[in-house]
Amino acid sequence: MVFEVLAYDFMQRALLSGATIAVLCSVVGIFLVLRRFSLFGDALAHSSFGGVALGLLMGLYPLWMAYVISIISAVLITRIREKYDVSGDAAIAVLLSSGIAVGLVIIGLSGGFSVDIFSFLFGSILLVSVDDTILILAMTGAILLVILALFRQILYTTFDEKQAKVSGIRVERITYLLVFMAGLTVVTAIQLVGVLLISALFVIPNVTAMMLGRGFQGTVILSIGISVSTVISGIFLSYVLNIAPAGSIVVLAICVLGATMAAKSAGLLARR
C-alpha cells in the first residue's frame, strides 16, 4: 500500500509539501505559543481568507493577495497592542471576526462561493502543484534561515523582553520580524489544512511537546517530530479512507495530545 501511494506524483508532492509545512509551523509556532499568542495564527488565517476572496474578485492569484493581507494584519495586530495598550487576545479577537466578515462580503459581491474558496477553507494539499511545492520549499527555507541567523535575539525577546532591551537587542524590530514570518507561514500552510484548522498546526504539536518537559531545544525537536508524523500519517489515512486530509491530520494530532495527557495523568510520564 505504501509503495502504491508513493507511485503517484500528486502524493509525492503532498507528502513533501506537508512535511515541510509541518516543520515550519512547529518552529514558528513555538515562539507564538511561548508569547501567549496561540490564536495569532488563527487570526491571520481568517484575515488571509479576506485576501483570498479579494484575489478571486480581482482575478489575481489568491495566495499572493493572501500573503499581502496576512502580513498587513500581523503588523496591524502588533501596532494596535503597542499604541493603544490593547491586550493581545482582544486585538486577535477583533481580527479573527473581521477577516471572515470581510471575506464573506467580498464573496457576496463576486456572486457567491466557488470551489476555490472551499479549497482554501479546508485545505487542498493533494492538489498542490509543482510550482506550489517549490514555493513552499523556498518560503520555508527562507524563514528558517532567518530564524537560525537571529535565533538568540528571537529567543531572548520571547522569554524576557525587558532584559532583551537592556542587553541591546532591538526588541521592536525582532517582534515585527516574527509576526511578519508568522504571516508568511500561515498563508503557506493554508494549502495543507485550510483557513479553519490552521491554528492546530501552530499549537497542538507544541503544546504536546511542552507537556513532556524536555527543555526548549528538546521541545522544538519533539514538536517537529509530532507535527511531521501526524501530517504524513494524516495524508496516508486520507488517501486510504477517502477523507479530507486536513481533518485526518488534526484528529491525529489531537489523539497524540490526548494520549500524552492520559499518560501524564496516569504517572507514566514524569511531571514537570
Protein backbone atom coordinates (compact mmCIF):
# COMPACT_ATOMS: atom_id res chain seq x y z
CA MET A 1 0.00 0.00 0.00
CA VAL A 2 2.77 2.45 0.90
CA PHE A 3 4.64 1.89 -2.35
CA GLU A 4 1.39 2.16 -4.28
CA VAL A 5 0.68 5.55 -2.73
CA LEU A 6 4.22 6.81 -3.33
CA ALA A 7 3.96 5.88 -7.01
CA TYR A 8 1.63 8.83 -7.62
CA ASP A 9 3.24 12.20 -8.33
CA PHE A 10 0.49 14.12 -6.52
CA MET A 11 1.07 12.07 -3.36
CA GLN A 12 4.83 12.67 -3.53
CA ARG A 13 4.21 16.42 -3.77
CA ALA A 14 1.62 16.29 -0.99
CA LEU A 15 3.90 14.41 1.40
CA LEU A 16 6.92 16.62 0.68
CA SER A 17 4.91 19.83 0.97
CA GLY A 18 3.06 18.61 4.05
CA ALA A 19 6.22 17.58 5.91
CA THR A 20 7.88 20.89 5.03
CA ILE A 21 4.92 22.92 6.25
CA ALA A 22 4.80 20.81 9.43
CA VAL A 23 8.40 21.74 10.27
CA LEU A 24 7.80 25.42 9.54
CA CYS A 25 4.64 25.64 11.65
CA SER A 26 6.31 23.90 14.59
CA VAL A 27 9.31 26.22 14.61
CA VAL A 28 7.36 29.45 14.17
CA GLY A 29 4.54 28.21 16.40
CA ILE A 30 6.75 27.60 19.43
CA PHE A 31 7.59 31.29 19.63
CA LEU A 32 3.92 32.26 19.28
CA VAL A 33 2.84 29.81 22.00
CA LEU A 34 5.55 30.99 24.39
CA ARG A 35 4.48 34.60 23.79
CA ARG A 36 0.88 33.59 24.63
CA PHE A 37 -0.10 34.26 21.04
CA SER A 38 -1.61 30.83 20.45
CA LEU A 39 -4.53 32.24 18.44
CA PHE A 40 -2.34 34.56 16.41
CA GLY A 41 -2.06 32.09 13.54
CA ASP A 42 -5.82 31.56 13.57
CA ALA A 43 -6.44 35.30 13.35
CA LEU A 44 -4.01 35.68 10.45
CA ALA A 45 -5.61 32.74 8.67
CA HIS A 46 -9.04 34.33 8.97
CA SER A 47 -7.73 37.65 7.70
CA SER A 48 -6.00 35.94 4.80
CA PHE A 49 -9.39 34.48 3.88
CA GLY A 50 -10.37 38.04 3.02
CA GLY A 51 -7.23 38.26 0.90
CA VAL A 52 -8.16 35.06 -0.94
CA ALA A 53 -11.64 36.39 -1.66
CA LEU A 54 -10.21 39.74 -2.81
CA GLY A 55 -7.75 37.99 -5.09
CA LEU A 56 -10.52 35.94 -6.69
CA LEU A 57 -12.64 39.07 -7.13
CA MET A 58 -9.77 40.94 -8.81
CA GLY A 59 -8.77 37.98 -10.96
CA LEU A 60 -5.40 37.63 -9.21
CA TYR A 61 -3.67 34.54 -7.82
CA PRO A 62 -5.43 34.25 -4.42
CA LEU A 63 -2.36 33.22 -2.41
CA TRP A 64 -0.38 36.31 -3.40
CA MET A 65 -3.15 38.58 -2.16
CA ALA A 66 -3.49 36.41 0.95
CA TYR A 67 0.23 36.92 1.69
CA VAL A 68 -0.21 40.70 1.47
CA ILE A 69 -3.30 40.81 3.69
CA SER A 70 -1.84 38.38 6.22
CA ILE A 71 1.33 40.41 6.62
CA ILE A 72 -0.62 43.67 6.94
CA SER A 73 -2.85 42.05 9.56
CA ALA A 74 0.13 40.73 11.53
CA VAL A 75 1.71 44.17 11.66
CA LEU A 76 -1.66 45.77 12.48
CA ILE A 77 -2.23 43.50 15.50
CA THR A 78 1.22 44.30 16.84
CA ARG A 79 0.75 48.02 16.23
CA ILE A 80 -2.62 48.08 17.99
CA ARG A 81 -1.17 46.31 21.02
CA GLU A 82 1.71 48.75 21.29
CA LYS A 83 -0.02 52.05 20.52
CA TYR A 84 -3.41 51.61 22.16
CA ASP A 85 -2.42 49.31 25.03
CA VAL A 86 -4.93 46.69 23.90
CA SER A 87 -4.34 43.12 25.08
CA GLY A 88 -3.11 40.65 22.52
CA ASP A 89 -6.21 38.46 22.96
CA ALA A 90 -8.54 41.39 22.28
CA ALA A 91 -6.65 42.51 19.17
CA ILE A 92 -6.61 38.94 17.87
CA ALA A 93 -10.34 38.53 18.53
CA VAL A 94 -11.14 41.65 16.50
CA LEU A 95 -9.07 40.45 13.55
CA LEU A 96 -10.43 36.91 13.89
CA SER A 97 -14.00 38.01 13.27
CA SER A 98 -13.35 40.86 10.86
CA GLY A 99 -11.27 38.73 8.46
CA ILE A 100 -14.06 36.24 7.85
CA ALA A 101 -16.67 39.01 7.72
CA VAL A 102 -14.77 40.97 5.06
CA GLY A 103 -14.20 37.78 3.09
CA LEU A 104 -17.91 36.95 3.13
CA VAL A 105 -18.81 40.44 1.95
CA ILE A 106 -16.33 40.23 -0.92
CA ILE A 107 -17.61 36.78 -1.88
CA GLY A 108 -21.15 38.16 -1.91
CA LEU A 109 -20.08 40.97 -4.22
CA SER A 110 -18.42 38.47 -6.54
CA GLY A 111 -21.59 36.42 -6.92
CA GLY A 112 -21.24 33.67 -4.34
CA PHE A 113 -18.97 30.84 -3.24
CA SER A 114 -16.76 28.94 -5.62
CA VAL A 115 -14.81 25.68 -5.47
CA ASP A 116 -11.62 27.67 -4.98
CA ILE A 117 -12.94 29.24 -1.78
CA PHE A 118 -13.76 25.87 -0.24
CA SER A 119 -10.31 24.52 -1.08
CA PHE A 120 -8.77 27.42 0.85
CA LEU A 121 -11.16 26.97 3.76
CA PHE A 122 -10.44 23.26 4.22
CA GLY A 123 -7.08 22.79 2.51
CA SER A 124 -6.14 21.08 -0.74
CA ILE A 125 -2.74 19.51 -0.17
CA LEU A 126 -3.49 16.62 -2.55
CA LEU A 127 -3.95 19.16 -5.35
CA VAL A 128 -0.69 21.02 -4.74
CA SER A 129 1.18 21.68 -7.98
CA VAL A 130 4.90 21.57 -8.74
CA ASP A 131 5.03 25.38 -8.59
CA ASP A 132 3.23 25.37 -5.23
CA THR A 133 5.68 22.80 -3.88
CA ILE A 134 8.64 24.91 -4.99
CA LEU A 135 7.07 27.98 -3.35
CA ILE A 136 6.51 26.08 -0.09
CA LEU A 137 10.10 24.80 -0.03
CA ALA A 138 11.54 28.23 -0.87
CA MET A 139 9.40 30.05 1.70
CA THR A 140 10.21 27.51 4.41
CA GLY A 141 13.92 27.64 3.66
CA ALA A 142 14.00 31.45 3.76
CA ILE A 143 12.07 31.71 7.04
CA LEU A 144 14.12 29.02 8.79
CA LEU A 145 17.37 30.67 7.66
CA VAL A 146 16.24 33.99 9.14
CA ILE A 147 15.28 32.31 12.42
CA LEU A 148 18.61 30.49 12.54
CA ALA A 149 20.55 33.70 11.87
CA LEU A 150 18.68 35.66 14.56
CA PHE A 151 17.93 32.77 16.88
CA ARG A 152 19.50 34.26 20.02
CA GLN A 153 17.70 37.59 19.62
CA ILE A 154 14.34 35.96 18.87
CA LEU A 155 14.65 33.53 21.77
CA TYR A 156 15.79 36.20 24.23
CA THR A 157 12.97 38.53 23.19
CA THR A 158 10.41 35.73 23.52
CA PHE A 159 11.33 34.86 27.11
CA ASP A 160 12.16 38.31 28.53
CA GLU A 161 11.55 41.48 26.50
CA LYS A 162 12.73 43.85 29.23
CA GLN A 163 16.03 42.07 29.74
CA ALA A 164 16.47 41.80 25.99
CA LYS A 165 16.16 45.59 25.69
CA VAL A 166 18.73 46.08 28.42
CA SER A 167 21.06 43.75 26.52
CA GLY A 168 20.83 45.97 23.46
CA ILE A 169 18.51 43.81 21.38
CA ARG A 170 16.11 45.82 19.23
CA VAL A 171 13.03 44.11 20.61
CA GLU A 172 10.51 46.01 18.48
CA ARG A 173 12.22 45.04 15.24
CA ILE A 174 12.50 41.41 16.31
CA THR A 175 8.81 41.36 17.22
CA TYR A 176 7.76 42.80 13.88
CA LEU A 177 10.05 40.34 12.10
CA LEU A 178 8.48 37.43 13.96
CA VAL A 179 4.90 38.47 13.13
CA PHE A 180 5.97 39.06 9.53
CA MET A 181 7.28 35.49 9.33
CA ALA A 182 4.13 34.23 11.06
CA GLY A 183 2.05 35.90 8.35
CA LEU A 184 4.06 34.19 5.63
CA THR A 185 3.87 30.85 7.43
CA VAL A 186 0.09 30.98 7.82
CA VAL A 187 -0.59 31.53 4.12
CA THR A 188 1.97 28.89 3.16
CA ALA A 189 0.23 26.38 5.45
CA ILE A 190 -3.29 27.16 4.23
CA GLN A 191 -2.86 24.68 1.38
CA LEU A 192 -2.32 21.89 3.93
CA VAL A 193 -5.12 22.35 6.46
CA GLY A 194 -7.03 25.39 5.23
CA VAL A 195 -8.09 28.57 6.99
CA LEU A 196 -10.34 26.89 9.56
CA LEU A 197 -7.76 24.49 11.04
CA ILE A 198 -4.50 26.42 10.67
CA SER A 199 -4.03 27.14 14.38
CA ALA A 200 -3.90 23.40 15.09
CA LEU A 201 -0.51 23.09 13.37
CA PHE A 202 0.88 26.01 15.36
CA VAL A 203 -0.45 24.96 18.75
CA ILE A 204 -1.18 21.24 19.20
CA PRO A 205 2.28 19.76 18.43
CA ASN A 206 4.00 22.43 20.54
CA VAL A 207 1.63 22.02 23.49
CA THR A 208 2.11 18.25 23.33
CA ALA A 209 5.90 18.61 23.24
CA MET A 210 5.89 21.15 26.08
CA MET A 211 4.00 18.71 28.30
CA LEU A 212 6.91 16.30 28.01
CA GLY A 213 9.25 18.86 29.60
CA ARG A 214 12.48 18.41 27.63
CA GLY A 215 13.76 21.99 27.62
CA PHE A 216 13.49 24.41 24.71
CA GLN A 217 15.65 22.52 22.22
CA GLY A 218 14.07 19.20 23.10
CA THR A 219 10.60 20.72 22.86
CA VAL A 220 11.28 22.03 19.36
CA ILE A 221 12.62 18.65 18.19
CA LEU A 222 9.67 16.78 19.71
CA SER A 223 7.20 19.25 18.25
CA ILE A 224 8.68 18.85 14.77
CA GLY A 225 8.60 15.06 15.12
CA ILE A 226 4.97 15.06 16.26
CA SER A 227 3.92 17.52 13.57
CA VAL A 228 5.66 15.75 10.69
CA SER A 229 4.48 12.29 11.75
CA THR A 230 0.83 13.36 12.13
CA VAL A 231 0.87 15.22 8.81
CA ILE A 232 2.36 12.29 6.89
CA SER A 233 0.11 9.76 8.64
CA GLY A 234 -2.90 12.00 8.08
CA ILE A 235 -2.22 12.27 4.35
CA PHE A 236 -1.84 8.50 4.05
CA LEU A 237 -5.00 7.97 6.09
CA SER A 238 -6.95 10.40 3.95
CA TYR A 239 -5.95 8.51 0.82
CA VAL A 240 -6.87 5.10 2.24
CA LEU A 241 -10.20 6.17 3.77
CA ASN A 242 -11.03 8.79 1.14
CA ILE A 243 -11.48 11.57 3.69
CA ALA A 244 -10.28 15.15 3.91
CA PRO A 245 -6.51 15.34 4.68
CA ALA A 246 -6.90 18.40 6.90
CA GLY A 247 -9.39 16.67 9.18
CA SER A 248 -7.37 13.47 9.50
CA ILE A 249 -4.17 15.42 10.25
CA VAL A 250 -5.74 17.47 13.03
CA VAL A 251 -7.62 14.49 14.51
CA LEU A 252 -4.36 12.52 14.70
CA ALA A 253 -2.61 15.47 16.35
CA ILE A 254 -5.42 15.69 18.91
CA CYS A 255 -5.15 11.95 19.55
CA VAL A 256 -1.42 12.31 20.25
CA LEU A 257 -2.13 15.19 22.62
CA GLY A 258 -4.87 13.20 24.36
CA ALA A 259 -2.61 10.16 24.72
CA THR A 260 0.15 12.36 26.19
CA MET A 261 -2.27 13.87 28.70
CA ALA A 262 -3.58 10.45 29.66
CA ALA A 263 -0.08 9.06 30.11
CA LYS A 264 0.90 12.04 32.21
CA SER A 265 -2.19 11.72 34.39
CA ALA A 266 -1.51 8.02 34.88
CA GLY A 267 2.02 8.77 36.03
CA LEU A 268 3.62 7.11 33.03
CA LEU A 269 5.40 10.36 32.19
CA ALA A 270 7.46 12.41 34.62
CA ARG A 271 5.68 15.52 35.81
CA ARG A 272 7.35 18.83 35.19
